[in-house]
Amino acid sequence: SLAPGCGLFIVPSQAIHTVGMAFPIDVIFVDKKYNVLGVREAVP
């Protein structure tokens, strides 16, 4: 699981997979100026 306030920032990355994970996650894609490009809630 991920505790509240915790997470992972993957750099560089333009896509992710959740193959082999045990829980869903929220995902936010950002550009080089940290503008939000995309959001995906509860990716299983």
Full PDB file with SEQRES, HELIX, SHEET, SSBOND, CRYST1, ORIGX, SCALE, CONECT and MASTER records, all heavy atoms in Angstrom:
SEQRES   1 A   44  SER LEU ALA PRO GLY CYS GLY LEU PHE ILE VAL PRO SER          
SEQRES   2 A   44  GLN ALA ILE HIS THR VAL GLY MET ALA PHE PRO ILE ASP          
SEQRES   3 A   44  VAL ILE PHE VAL ASP LYS LYS TYR ASN VAL LEU GLY VAL          
SEQRES   4 A   44  ARG GLU ALA VAL PRO                                          
SHEET    1 AA1 2 ILE A  25  VAL A  30  0                                        
SHEET    2 AA1 2 VAL A  36  VAL A  43 -1                                        
CRYST1    1.000    1.000    1.000  90.00  90.00  90.00 P 1           1          
ORIGX1      1.000000  0.000000  0.000000        0.00000                         
ORIGX2      0.000000  1.000000  0.000000        0.00000                         
ORIGX3      0.000000  0.000000  1.000000        0.00000                         
SCALE1      1.000000  0.000000  0.000000        0.00000                         
SCALE2      0.000000  1.000000  0.000000        0.00000                         
SCALE3      0.000000  0.000000  1.000000        0.00000                         
ATOM      1  N   SER A   1       0.853  -1.189   0.000  1.00  0.00           N  
ATOM      2  CA  SER A   1       0.000   0.000   0.000  1.00  0.00           C  
ATOM      3  C   SER A   1       0.888   1.238   0.000  1.00  0.00           C  
ATOM      4  O   SER A   1       2.106   1.137   0.143  1.00  0.00           O  
ATOM      5  CB  SER A   1      -0.918   0.019   1.222  1.00  0.00           C  
ATOM      6  OG  SER A   1      -0.144   0.148   2.401  1.00  0.00           O  
ATOM      7  N   LEU A   2       0.260   2.388  -0.140  1.00  0.00           N  
ATOM      8  CA  LEU A   2       0.936   3.677  -0.017  1.00  0.00           C  
ATOM      9  C   LEU A   2       0.237   4.447   1.100  1.00  0.00           C  
ATOM     10  O   LEU A   2      -0.978   4.629   1.056  1.00  0.00           O  
ATOM     11  CB  LEU A   2       0.812   4.485  -1.309  1.00  0.00           C  
ATOM     12  CG  LEU A   2       1.871   4.326  -2.361  1.00  0.00           C  
ATOM     13  CD1 LEU A   2       1.529   5.157  -3.593  1.00  0.00           C  
ATOM     14  CD2 LEU A   2       3.232   4.704  -1.837  1.00  0.00           C  
ATOM     15  N   ALA A   3       0.996   4.900   2.064  1.00  0.00           N  
ATOM     16  CA  ALA A   3       0.430   5.694   3.154  1.00  0.00           C  
ATOM     17  C   ALA A   3       0.094   7.088   2.643  1.00  0.00           C  
ATOM     18  O   ALA A   3       0.725   7.583   1.706  1.00  0.00           O  
ATOM     19  CB  ALA A   3       1.428   5.774   4.311  1.00  0.00           C  
ATOM     20  N   PRO A   4      -0.876   7.755   3.265  1.00  0.00           N  
ATOM     21  CA  PRO A   4      -1.175   9.142   2.883  1.00  0.00           C  
ATOM     22  C   PRO A   4       0.086  10.006   2.980  1.00  0.00           C  
ATOM     23  O   PRO A   4       0.877   9.864   3.905  1.00  0.00           O  
ATOM     24  CB  PRO A   4      -2.217   9.581   3.911  1.00  0.00           C  
ATOM     25  CG  PRO A   4      -2.855   8.307   4.368  1.00  0.00           C  
ATOM     26  CD  PRO A   4      -1.760   7.267   4.315  1.00  0.00           C  
ATOM     27  N   GLY A   5       0.267  10.874   1.993  1.00  0.00           N  
ATOM     28  CA  GLY A   5       1.430  11.752   1.982  1.00  0.00           C  
ATOM     29  C   GLY A   5       2.661  11.152   1.345  1.00  0.00           C  
ATOM     30  O   GLY A   5       3.670  11.828   1.155  1.00  0.00           O  
ATOM     31  N   CYS A   6       2.594   9.867   1.008  1.00  0.00           N  
ATOM     32  CA  CYS A   6       3.724   9.177   0.381  1.00  0.00           C  
ATOM     33  C   CYS A   6       3.443   8.984  -1.109  1.00  0.00           C  
ATOM     34  O   CYS A   6       2.327   9.159  -1.569  1.00  0.00           O  
ATOM     35  CB  CYS A   6       3.956   7.821   1.040  1.00  0.00           C  
ATOM     36  SG  CYS A   6       4.487   7.943   2.755  1.00  0.00           S  
ATOM     37  N   GLY A   7       4.475   8.604  -1.844  1.00  0.00           N  
ATOM     38  CA  GLY A   7       4.304   8.347  -3.258  1.00  0.00           C  
ATOM     39  C   GLY A   7       5.633   8.128  -3.938  1.00  0.00           C  
ATOM     40  O   GLY A   7       6.678   7.997  -3.285  1.00  0.00           O  
ATOM     41  N   LEU A   8       5.594   8.098  -5.264  1.00  0.00           N  
ATOM     42  CA  LEU A   8       6.785   7.884  -6.075  1.00  0.00           C  
ATOM     43  C   LEU A   8       6.729   8.840  -7.259  1.00  0.00           C  
ATOM     44  O   LEU A   8       5.687   8.966  -7.915  1.00  0.00           O  
ATOM     45  CB  LEU A   8       6.822   6.436  -6.573  1.00  0.00           C  
ATOM     46  CG  LEU A   8       8.075   5.992  -7.303  1.00  0.00           C  
ATOM     47  CD1 LEU A   8       9.276   5.965  -6.368  1.00  0.00           C  
ATOM     48  CD2 LEU A   8       7.864   4.615  -7.921  1.00  0.00           C  
ATOM     49  N   PHE A   9       7.843   9.538  -7.521  1.00  0.00           N  
ATOM     50  CA  PHE A   9       7.951  10.435  -8.664  1.00  0.00           C  
ATOM     51  C   PHE A   9       8.944   9.807  -9.626  1.00  0.00           C  
ATOM     52  O   PHE A   9      10.134   9.735  -9.349  1.00  0.00           O  
ATOM     53  CB  PHE A   9       8.414  11.815  -8.206  1.00  0.00           C  
ATOM     54  CG  PHE A   9       8.384  12.882  -9.264  1.00  0.00           C  
ATOM     55  CD1 PHE A   9       7.649  12.748 -10.426  1.00  0.00           C  
ATOM     56  CD2 PHE A   9       9.099  14.048  -9.083  1.00  0.00           C  
ATOM     57  CE1 PHE A   9       7.613  13.744 -11.389  1.00  0.00           C  
ATOM     58  CE2 PHE A   9       9.083  15.062 -10.033  1.00  0.00           C  
ATOM     59  CZ  PHE A   9       8.334  14.901 -11.186  1.00  0.00           C  
ATOM     60  N   ILE A  10       8.441   9.310 -10.748  1.00  0.00           N  
ATOM     61  CA  ILE A  10       9.254   8.601 -11.736  1.00  0.00           C  
ATOM     62  C   ILE A  10       9.695   9.593 -12.812  1.00  0.00           C  
ATOM     63  O   ILE A  10       8.869  10.177 -13.505  1.00  0.00           O  
ATOM     64  CB  ILE A  10       8.464   7.450 -12.380  1.00  0.00           C  
ATOM     65  CG1 ILE A  10       7.924   6.511 -11.302  1.00  0.00           C  
ATOM     66  CG2 ILE A  10       9.322   6.708 -13.383  1.00  0.00           C  
ATOM     67  CD1 ILE A  10       6.936   5.489 -11.819  1.00  0.00           C  
ATOM     68  N   VAL A  11      11.026   9.774 -12.922  1.00  0.00           N  
ATOM     69  CA  VAL A  11      11.602  10.730 -13.868  1.00  0.00           C  
ATOM     70  C   VAL A  11      12.793  10.089 -14.565  1.00  0.00           C  
ATOM     71  O   VAL A  11      13.693   9.602 -13.873  1.00  0.00           O  
ATOM     72  CB  VAL A  11      12.067  12.013 -13.146  1.00  0.00           C  
ATOM     73  CG1 VAL A  11      12.691  12.973 -14.127  1.00  0.00           C  
ATOM     74  CG2 VAL A  11      10.925  12.669 -12.407  1.00  0.00           C  
ATOM     75  N   PRO A  12      12.881  10.052 -15.878  1.00  0.00           N  
ATOM     76  CA  PRO A  12      11.841  10.446 -16.816  1.00  0.00           C  
ATOM     77  C   PRO A  12      10.832   9.320 -17.011  1.00  0.00           C  
ATOM     78  O   PRO A  12      11.170   8.141 -16.852  1.00  0.00           O  
ATOM     79  CB  PRO A  12      12.625  10.711 -18.098  1.00  0.00           C  
ATOM     80  CG  PRO A  12      13.792   9.776 -18.025  1.00  0.00           C  
ATOM     81  CD  PRO A  12      14.125   9.670 -16.561  1.00  0.00           C  
ATOM     82  N   SER A  13       9.625   9.698 -17.376  1.00  0.00           N  
ATOM     83  CA  SER A  13       8.590   8.721 -17.694  1.00  0.00           C  
ATOM     84  C   SER A  13       7.454   9.414 -18.433  1.00  0.00           C  
ATOM     85  O   SER A  13       7.098  10.539 -18.094  1.00  0.00           O  
ATOM     86  CB  SER A  13       8.057   8.056 -16.430  1.00  0.00           C  
ATOM     87  OG  SER A  13       7.084   7.084 -16.756  1.00  0.00           O  
ATOM     88  N   GLN A  14       6.909   8.721 -19.414  1.00  0.00           N  
ATOM     89  CA  GLN A  14       5.783   9.253 -20.179  1.00  0.00           C  
ATOM     90  C   GLN A  14       4.554   8.359 -20.085  1.00  0.00           C  
ATOM     91  O   GLN A  14       3.489   8.711 -20.589  1.00  0.00           O  
ATOM     92  CB  GLN A  14       6.193   9.422 -21.640  1.00  0.00           C  
ATOM     93  CG  GLN A  14       7.326  10.423 -21.810  1.00  0.00           C  
ATOM     94  CD  GLN A  14       7.843  10.451 -23.225  1.00  0.00           C  
ATOM     95  OE1 GLN A  14       7.955   9.419 -23.888  1.00  0.00           O  
ATOM     96  NE2 GLN A  14       8.163  11.644 -23.691  1.00  0.00           N  
ATOM     97  N   ALA A  15       4.713   7.216 -19.433  1.00  0.00           N  
ATOM     98  CA  ALA A  15       3.606   6.270 -19.234  1.00  0.00           C  
ATOM     99  C   ALA A  15       4.024   5.312 -18.125  1.00  0.00           C  
ATOM    100  O   ALA A  15       5.218   5.183 -17.830  1.00  0.00           O  
ATOM    101  CB  ALA A  15       3.302   5.503 -20.513  1.00  0.00           C  
ATOM    102  N   ILE A  16       3.044   4.668 -17.519  1.00  0.00           N  
ATOM    103  CA  ILE A  16       3.360   3.680 -16.485  1.00  0.00           C  
ATOM    104  C   ILE A  16       2.470   2.452 -16.664  1.00  0.00           C  
ATOM    105  O   ILE A  16       1.468   2.485 -17.382  1.00  0.00           O  
ATOM    106  CB  ILE A  16       3.188   4.240 -15.047  1.00  0.00           C  
ATOM    107  CG1 ILE A  16       1.763   4.743 -14.789  1.00  0.00           C  
ATOM    108  CG2 ILE A  16       4.170   5.354 -14.789  1.00  0.00           C  
ATOM    109  CD1 ILE A  16       0.972   3.901 -13.876  1.00  0.00           C  
ATOM    110  N   HIS A  17       2.849   1.391 -15.973  1.00  0.00           N  
ATOM    111  CA  HIS A  17       1.991   0.202 -15.898  1.00  0.00           C  
ATOM    112  C   HIS A  17       1.876  -0.185 -14.430  1.00  0.00           C  
ATOM    113  O   HIS A  17       2.700   0.199 -13.602  1.00  0.00           O  
ATOM    114  CB  HIS A  17       2.572  -0.963 -16.714  1.00  0.00           C  
ATOM    115  CG  HIS A  17       3.813  -1.532 -16.126  1.00  0.00           C  
ATOM    116  ND1 HIS A  17       3.782  -2.474 -15.114  1.00  0.00           N  
ATOM    117  CD2 HIS A  17       5.112  -1.293 -16.379  1.00  0.00           C  
ATOM    118  CE1 HIS A  17       5.017  -2.790 -14.779  1.00  0.00           C  
ATOM    119  NE2 HIS A  17       5.854  -2.072 -15.525  1.00  0.00           N  
ATOM    120  N   THR A  18       0.816  -0.918 -14.129  1.00  0.00           N  
ATOM    121  CA  THR A  18       0.621  -1.405 -12.765  1.00  0.00           C  
ATOM    122  C   THR A  18       0.640  -2.929 -12.713  1.00  0.00           C  
ATOM    123  O   THR A  18       0.081  -3.540 -11.816  1.00  0.00           O  
ATOM    124  CB  THR A  18      -0.696  -0.858 -12.165  1.00  0.00           C  
ATOM    125  OG1 THR A  18      -1.787  -1.248 -13.005  1.00  0.00           O  
ATOM    126  CG2 THR A  18      -0.650   0.660 -12.039  1.00  0.00           C  
ATOM    127  N   VAL A  19       1.305  -3.530 -13.696  1.00  0.00           N  
ATOM    128  CA  VAL A  19       1.429  -4.983 -13.747  1.00  0.00           C  
ATOM    129  C   VAL A  19       2.237  -5.455 -12.538  1.00  0.00           C  
ATOM    130  O   VAL A  19       3.329  -4.951 -12.270  1.00  0.00           O  
ATOM    131  CB  VAL A  19       2.106  -5.435 -15.059  1.00  0.00           C  
ATOM    132  CG1 VAL A  19       2.344  -6.937 -15.065  1.00  0.00           C  
ATOM    133  CG2 VAL A  19       1.266  -5.017 -16.253  1.00  0.00           C  
ATOM    134  N   GLY A  20       1.680  -6.387 -11.796  1.00  0.00           N  
ATOM    135  CA  GLY A  20       2.355  -6.941 -10.625  1.00  0.00           C  
ATOM    136  C   GLY A  20       2.115  -6.170  -9.340  1.00  0.00           C  
ATOM    137  O   GLY A  20       2.580  -6.573  -8.279  1.00  0.00           O  
ATOM    138  N   MET A  21       1.388  -5.063  -9.420  1.00  0.00           N  
ATOM    139  CA  MET A  21       1.112  -4.302  -8.206  1.00  0.00           C  
ATOM    140  C   MET A  21      -0.056  -4.918  -7.443  1.00  0.00           C  
ATOM    141  O   MET A  21      -0.902  -5.591  -8.019  1.00  0.00           O  
ATOM    142  CB  MET A  21       0.828  -2.833  -8.540  1.00  0.00           C  
ATOM    143  CG  MET A  21       2.095  -2.125  -8.992  1.00  0.00           C  
ATOM    144  SD  MET A  21       1.893  -0.378  -9.285  1.00  0.00           S  
ATOM    145  CE  MET A  21       1.195   0.196  -7.761  1.00  0.00           C  
ATOM    146  N   ALA A  22      -0.104  -4.635  -6.145  1.00  0.00           N  
ATOM    147  CA  ALA A  22      -1.107  -5.238  -5.282  1.00  0.00           C  
ATOM    148  C   ALA A  22      -2.241  -4.281  -4.920  1.00  0.00           C  
ATOM    149  O   ALA A  22      -3.160  -4.662  -4.199  1.00  0.00           O  
ATOM    150  CB  ALA A  22      -0.442  -5.747  -4.000  1.00  0.00           C  
ATOM    151  N   PHE A  23      -2.185  -3.041  -5.416  1.00  0.00           N  
ATOM    152  CA  PHE A  23      -3.188  -2.050  -5.018  1.00  0.00           C  
ATOM    153  C   PHE A  23      -3.310  -0.983  -6.106  1.00  0.00           C  
ATOM    154  O   PHE A  23      -2.386  -0.779  -6.894  1.00  0.00           O  
ATOM    155  CB  PHE A  23      -2.790  -1.396  -3.682  1.00  0.00           C  
ATOM    156  CG  PHE A  23      -1.420  -0.776  -3.695  1.00  0.00           C  
ATOM    157  CD1 PHE A  23      -1.256   0.575  -3.976  1.00  0.00           C  
ATOM    158  CD2 PHE A  23      -0.281  -1.531  -3.439  1.00  0.00           C  
ATOM    159  CE1 PHE A  23       0.005   1.146  -3.998  1.00  0.00           C  
ATOM    160  CE2 PHE A  23       0.980  -0.965  -3.449  1.00  0.00           C  
ATOM    161  CZ  PHE A  23       1.127   0.382  -3.735  1.00  0.00           C  
ATOM    162  N   PRO A  24      -4.457  -0.295  -6.160  1.00  0.00           N  
ATOM    163  CA  PRO A  24      -4.620   0.786  -7.138  1.00  0.00           C  
ATOM    164  C   PRO A  24      -3.877   2.042  -6.694  1.00  0.00           C  
ATOM    165  O   PRO A  24      -3.570   2.208  -5.509  1.00  0.00           O  
ATOM    166  CB  PRO A  24      -6.134   1.023  -7.163  1.00  0.00           C  
ATOM    167  CG  PRO A  24      -6.604   0.563  -5.833  1.00  0.00           C  
ATOM    168  CD  PRO A  24      -5.677  -0.541  -5.395  1.00  0.00           C  
ATOM    169  N   ILE A  25      -3.611   2.942  -7.655  1.00  0.00           N  
ATOM    170  CA  ILE A  25      -2.916   4.202  -7.371  1.00  0.00           C  
ATOM    171  C   ILE A  25      -3.534   5.339  -8.185  1.00  0.00           C  
ATOM    172  O   ILE A  25      -4.131   5.105  -9.227  1.00  0.00           O  
ATOM    173  CB  ILE A  25      -1.410   4.120  -7.698  1.00  0.00           C  
ATOM    174  CG1 ILE A  25      -1.185   3.689  -9.157  1.00  0.00           C  
ATOM    175  CG2 ILE A  25      -0.678   3.227  -6.723  1.00  0.00           C  
ATOM    176  CD1 ILE A  25       0.257   3.742  -9.632  1.00  0.00           C  
ATOM    177  N   ASP A  26      -3.373   6.562  -7.684  1.00  0.00           N  
ATOM    178  CA  ASP A  26      -3.652   7.755  -8.471  1.00  0.00           C  
ATOM    179  C   ASP A  26      -2.381   8.111  -9.224  1.00  0.00           C  
ATOM    180  O   ASP A  26      -1.271   7.950  -8.684  1.00  0.00           O  
ATOM    181  CB  ASP A  26      -4.054   8.931  -7.573  1.00  0.00           C  
ATOM    182  CG  ASP A  26      -5.517   8.898  -7.141  1.00  0.00           C  
ATOM    183  OD1 ASP A  26      -6.232   7.945  -7.497  1.00  0.00           O  
ATOM    184  OD2 ASP A  26      -5.931   9.839  -6.433  1.00  0.00           O  
ATOM    185  N   VAL A  27      -2.528   8.609 -10.450  1.00  0.00           N  
ATOM    186  CA  VAL A  27      -1.376   8.909 -11.306  1.00  0.00           C  
ATOM    187  C   VAL A  27      -1.520  10.312 -11.890  1.00  0.00           C  
ATOM    188  O   VAL A  27      -2.585  10.669 -12.391  1.00  0.00           O  
ATOM    189  CB  VAL A  27      -1.277   7.867 -12.451  1.00  0.00           C  
ATOM    190  CG1 VAL A  27      -0.115   8.171 -13.354  1.00  0.00           C  
ATOM    191  CG2 VAL A  27      -1.181   6.457 -11.890  1.00  0.00           C  
ATOM    192  N   ILE A  28      -0.424  11.079 -11.801  1.00  0.00           N  
ATOM    193  CA  ILE A  28      -0.401  12.432 -12.360  1.00  0.00           C  
ATOM    194  C   ILE A  28       0.815  12.561 -13.275  1.00  0.00           C  
ATOM    195  O   ILE A  28       1.937  12.280 -12.862  1.00  0.00           O  
ATOM    196  CB  ILE A  28      -0.325  13.500 -11.253  1.00  0.00           C  
ATOM    197  CG1 ILE A  28      -1.554  13.398 -10.336  1.00  0.00           C  
ATOM    198  CG2 ILE A  28      -0.210  14.904 -11.857  1.00  0.00           C  
ATOM    199  CD1 ILE A  28      -1.495  14.309  -9.125  1.00  0.00           C  
ATOM    200  N   PHE A  29       0.576  12.995 -14.517  1.00  0.00           N  
ATOM    201  CA  PHE A  29       1.641  13.206 -15.494  1.00  0.00           C  
ATOM    202  C   PHE A  29       1.979  14.696 -15.525  1.00  0.00           C  
ATOM    203  O   PHE A  29       1.068  15.527 -15.604  1.00  0.00           O  
ATOM    204  CB  PHE A  29       1.190  12.755 -16.883  1.00  0.00           C  
ATOM    205  CG  PHE A  29       0.886  11.292 -16.958  1.00  0.00           C  
ATOM    206  CD1 PHE A  29      -0.363  10.808 -16.620  1.00  0.00           C  
ATOM    207  CD2 PHE A  29       1.864  10.392 -17.346  1.00  0.00           C  
ATOM    208  CE1 PHE A  29      -0.643   9.451 -16.670  1.00  0.00           C  
ATOM    209  CE2 PHE A  29       1.595   9.036 -17.399  1.00  0.00           C  
ATOM    210  CZ  PHE A  29       0.345   8.560 -17.053  1.00  0.00           C  
ATOM    211  N   VAL A  30       3.278  15.026 -15.462  1.00  0.00           N  
ATOM    212  CA  VAL A  30       3.706  16.422 -15.462  1.00  0.00           C  
ATOM    213  C   VAL A  30       4.757  16.668 -16.542  1.00  0.00           C  
ATOM    214  O   VAL A  30       5.517  15.770 -16.900  1.00  0.00           O  
ATOM    215  CB  VAL A  30       4.275  16.857 -14.090  1.00  0.00           C  
ATOM    216  CG1 VAL A  30       3.207  16.758 -13.012  1.00  0.00           C  
ATOM    217  CG2 VAL A  30       5.502  16.055 -13.707  1.00  0.00           C  
ATOM    218  N   ASP A  31       4.792  17.920 -17.022  1.00  0.00           N  
ATOM    219  CA  ASP A  31       5.805  18.295 -17.998  1.00  0.00           C  
ATOM    220  C   ASP A  31       7.035  18.851 -17.286  1.00  0.00           C  
ATOM    221  O   ASP A  31       7.099  18.844 -16.054  1.00  0.00           O  
ATOM    222  CB  ASP A  31       5.244  19.269 -19.044  1.00  0.00           C  
ATOM    223  CG  ASP A  31       4.876  20.642 -18.493  1.00  0.00           C  
ATOM    224  OD1 ASP A  31       5.264  20.984 -17.350  1.00  0.00           O  
ATOM    225  OD2 ASP A  31       4.189  21.393 -19.216  1.00  0.00           O  
ATOM    226  N   LYS A  32       8.002  19.366 -18.041  1.00  0.00           N  
ATOM    227  CA  LYS A  32       9.264  19.815 -17.447  1.00  0.00           C  
ATOM    228  C   LYS A  32       9.113  21.046 -16.563  1.00  0.00           C  
ATOM    229  O   LYS A  32       9.996  21.349 -15.773  1.00  0.00           O  
ATOM    230  CB  LYS A  32      10.314  20.066 -18.531  1.00  0.00           C  
ATOM    231  CG  LYS A  32       9.966  21.172 -19.486  1.00  0.00           C  
ATOM    232  CD  LYS A  32      11.025  21.305 -20.563  1.00  0.00           C  
ATOM    233  CE  LYS A  32      10.633  22.378 -21.559  1.00  0.00           C  
ATOM    234  NZ  LYS A  32      11.586  22.468 -22.653  1.00  0.00           N  
ATOM    235  N   LYS A  33       7.978  21.748 -16.671  1.00  0.00           N  
ATOM    236  CA  LYS A  33       7.716  22.895 -15.793  1.00  0.00           C  
ATOM    237  C   LYS A  33       6.754  22.517 -14.667  1.00  0.00           C  
ATOM    238  O   LYS A  33       6.245  23.386 -13.972  1.00  0.00           O  
ATOM    239  CB  LYS A  33       7.160  24.062 -16.606  1.00  0.00           C  
ATOM    240  CG  LYS A  33       8.170  24.627 -17.587  1.00  0.00           C  
ATOM    241  CD  LYS A  33       7.607  25.826 -18.308  1.00  0.00           C  
ATOM    242  CE  LYS A  33       8.643  26.389 -19.262  1.00  0.00           C  
ATOM    243  NZ  LYS A  33       8.127  27.556 -19.986  1.00  0.00           N  
ATOM    244  N   TYR A  34       6.484  21.238 -14.532  1.00  0.00           N  
ATOM    245  CA  TYR A  34       5.583  20.676 -13.511  1.00  0.00           C  
ATOM    246  C   TYR A  34       4.139  21.111 -13.696  1.00  0.00           C  
ATOM    247  O   TYR A  34       3.381  21.212 -12.735  1.00  0.00           O  
ATOM    248  CB  TYR A  34       6.085  20.967 -12.089  1.00  0.00           C  
ATOM    249  CG  TYR A  34       7.484  20.477 -11.854  1.00  0.00           C  
ATOM    250  CD1 TYR A  34       8.507  21.354 -11.540  1.00  0.00           C  
ATOM    251  CD2 TYR A  34       7.802  19.126 -11.976  1.00  0.00           C  
ATOM    252  CE1 TYR A  34       9.805  20.905 -11.351  1.00  0.00           C  
ATOM    253  CE2 TYR A  34       9.090  18.670 -11.796  1.00  0.00           C  
ATOM    254  CZ  TYR A  34      10.087  19.564 -11.476  1.00  0.00           C  
ATOM    255  OH  TYR A  34      11.383  19.108 -11.292  1.00  0.00           O  
ATOM    256  N   ASN A  35       3.740  21.344 -14.941  1.00  0.00           N  
ATOM    257  CA  ASN A  35       2.328  21.551 -15.267  1.00  0.00           C  
ATOM    258  C   ASN A  35       1.681  20.174 -15.401  1.00  0.00           C  
ATOM    259  O   ASN A  35       2.274  19.265 -15.998  1.00  0.00           O  
ATOM    260  CB  ASN A  35       2.168  22.307 -16.586  1.00  0.00           C  
ATOM    261  CG  ASN A  35       2.688  23.720 -16.504  1.00  0.00           C  
ATOM    262  OD1 ASN A  35       2.289  24.478 -15.634  1.00  0.00           O  
ATOM    263  ND2 ASN A  35       3.593  24.075 -17.406  1.00  0.00           N  
ATOM    264  N   VAL A  36       0.468  20.026 -14.886  1.00  0.00           N  
ATOM    265  CA  VAL A  36      -0.233  18.750 -14.958  1.00  0.00           C  
ATOM    266  C   VAL A  36      -0.759  18.536 -16.379  1.00  0.00           C  
ATOM    267  O   VAL A  36      -1.539  19.335 -16.891  1.00  0.00           O  
ATOM    268  CB  VAL A  36      -1.385  18.692 -13.932  1.00  0.00           C  
ATOM    269  CG1 VAL A  36      -2.175  17.398 -14.088  1.00  0.00           C  
ATOM    270  CG2 VAL A  36      -0.846  18.832 -12.512  1.00  0.00           C  
ATOM    271  N   LEU A  37      -0.310  17.435 -16.994  1.00  0.00           N  
ATOM    272  CA  LEU A  37      -0.728  17.080 -18.358  1.00  0.00           C  
ATOM    273  C   LEU A  37      -1.870  16.067 -18.361  1.00  0.00           C  
ATOM    274  O   LEU A  37      -2.648  16.009 -19.311  1.00  0.00           O  
ATOM    275  CB  LEU A  37       0.441  16.475 -19.129  1.00  0.00           C  
ATOM    276  CG  LEU A  37       1.662  17.344 -19.341  1.00  0.00           C  
ATOM    277  CD1 LEU A  37       2.752  16.542 -20.034  1.00  0.00           C  
ATOM    278  CD2 LEU A  37       1.299  18.574 -20.147  1.00  0.00           C  
ATOM    279  N   GLY A  38      -1.916  15.237 -17.320  1.00  0.00           N  
ATOM    280  CA  GLY A  38      -2.938  14.194 -17.265  1.00  0.00           C  
ATOM    281  C   GLY A  38      -3.110  13.670 -15.861  1.00  0.00           C  
ATOM    282  O   GLY A  38      -2.162  13.698 -15.066  1.00  0.00           O  
ATOM    283  N   VAL A  39      -4.299  13.229 -15.540  1.00  0.00           N  
ATOM    284  CA  VAL A  39      -4.587  12.607 -14.242  1.00  0.00           C  
ATOM    285  C   VAL A  39      -5.382  11.328 -14.485  1.00  0.00           C  
ATOM    286  O   VAL A  39      -6.230  11.266 -15.370  1.00  0.00           O  
ATOM    287  CB  VAL A  39      -5.366  13.548 -13.289  1.00  0.00           C  
ATOM    288  CG1 VAL A  39      -4.544  14.762 -12.915  1.00  0.00           C  
ATOM    289  CG2 VAL A  39      -6.679  13.993 -13.883  1.00  0.00           C  
ATOM    290  N   ARG A  40      -5.068  10.323 -13.698  1.00  0.00           N  
ATOM    291  CA  ARG A  40      -5.797   9.057 -13.734  1.00  0.00           C  
ATOM    292  C   ARG A  40      -6.039   8.640 -12.286  1.00  0.00           C  
ATOM    293  O   ARG A  40      -5.100   8.440 -11.534  1.00  0.00           O  
ATOM    294  CB  ARG A  40      -5.007   7.960 -14.462  1.00  0.00           C  
ATOM    295  CG  ARG A  40      -4.706   8.260 -15.915  1.00  0.00           C  
ATOM    296  CD  ARG A  40      -5.991   8.263 -16.752  1.00  0.00           C  
ATOM    297  NE  ARG A  40      -5.725   8.583 -18.145  1.00  0.00           N  
ATOM    298  CZ  ARG A  40      -5.761   9.804 -18.668  1.00  0.00           C  
ATOM    299  NH1 ARG A  40      -6.020  10.839 -17.916  1.00  0.00           N  
ATOM    300  NH2 ARG A  40      -5.537   9.989 -19.950  1.00  0.00           N  
ATOM    301  N   GLU A  41      -7.313   8.527 -11.920  1.00  0.00           N  
ATOM    302  CA  GLU A  41      -7.652   8.167 -10.545  1.00  0.00           C  
ATOM    303  C   GLU A  41      -7.860   6.666 -10.408  1.00  0.00           C  
ATOM    304  O   GLU A  41      -8.441   6.025 -11.277  1.00  0.00           O  
ATOM    305  CB  GLU A  41      -8.925   8.901 -10.115  1.00  0.00           C  
ATOM    306  CG  GLU A  41      -8.745  10.406 -10.032  1.00  0.00           C  
ATOM    307  CD  GLU A  41      -9.974  11.109  -9.515  1.00  0.00           C  
ATOM    308  OE1 GLU A  41     -10.317  10.902  -8.334  1.00  0.00           O  
ATOM    309  OE2 GLU A  41     -10.595  11.854 -10.291  1.00  0.00           O  
ATOM    310  N   ALA A  42      -7.366   6.137  -9.303  1.00  0.00           N  
ATOM    311  CA  ALA A  42      -7.586   4.736  -8.914  1.00  0.00           C  
ATOM    312  C   ALA A  42      -7.265   3.752 -10.043  1.00  0.00           C  
ATOM    313  O   ALA A  42      -8.080   2.890 -10.371  1.00  0.00           O  
ATOM    314  CB  ALA A  42      -9.014   4.547  -8.402  1.00  0.00           C  
ATOM    315  N   VAL A  43      -6.081   3.881 -10.616  1.00  0.00           N  
ATOM    316  CA  VAL A  43      -5.655   2.945 -11.665  1.00  0.00           C  
ATOM    317  C   VAL A  43      -5.434   1.585 -11.004  1.00  0.00           C  
ATOM    318  O   VAL A  43      -4.590   1.437 -10.123  1.00  0.00           O  
ATOM    319  CB  VAL A  43      -4.358   3.422 -12.354  1.00  0.00           C  
ATOM    320  CG1 VAL A  43      -3.892   2.402 -13.386  1.00  0.00           C  
ATOM    321  CG2 VAL A  43      -4.558   4.787 -12.996  1.00  0.00           C  
ATOM    322  N   PRO A  44      -6.215   0.575 -11.397  1.00  0.00           N  
ATOM    323  CA  PRO A  44      -6.096  -0.728 -10.747  1.00  0.00           C  
ATOM    324  C   PRO A  44      -4.848  -1.493 -11.198  1.00  0.00           C  
ATOM    325  O   PRO A  44      -4.229  -1.150 -12.201  1.00  0.00           O  
ATOM    326  CB  PRO A  44      -7.367  -1.462 -11.186  1.00  0.00           C  
ATOM    327  CG  PRO A  44      -7.860  -0.760 -12.392  1.00  0.00           C  
ATOM    328  CD  PRO A  44      -7.284   0.628 -12.377  1.00  0.00           C  
TER     329      PRO A  44                                                      
MASTER        0    0    0    0    2    0    0    6  328    1    0    4          
END                                                                             
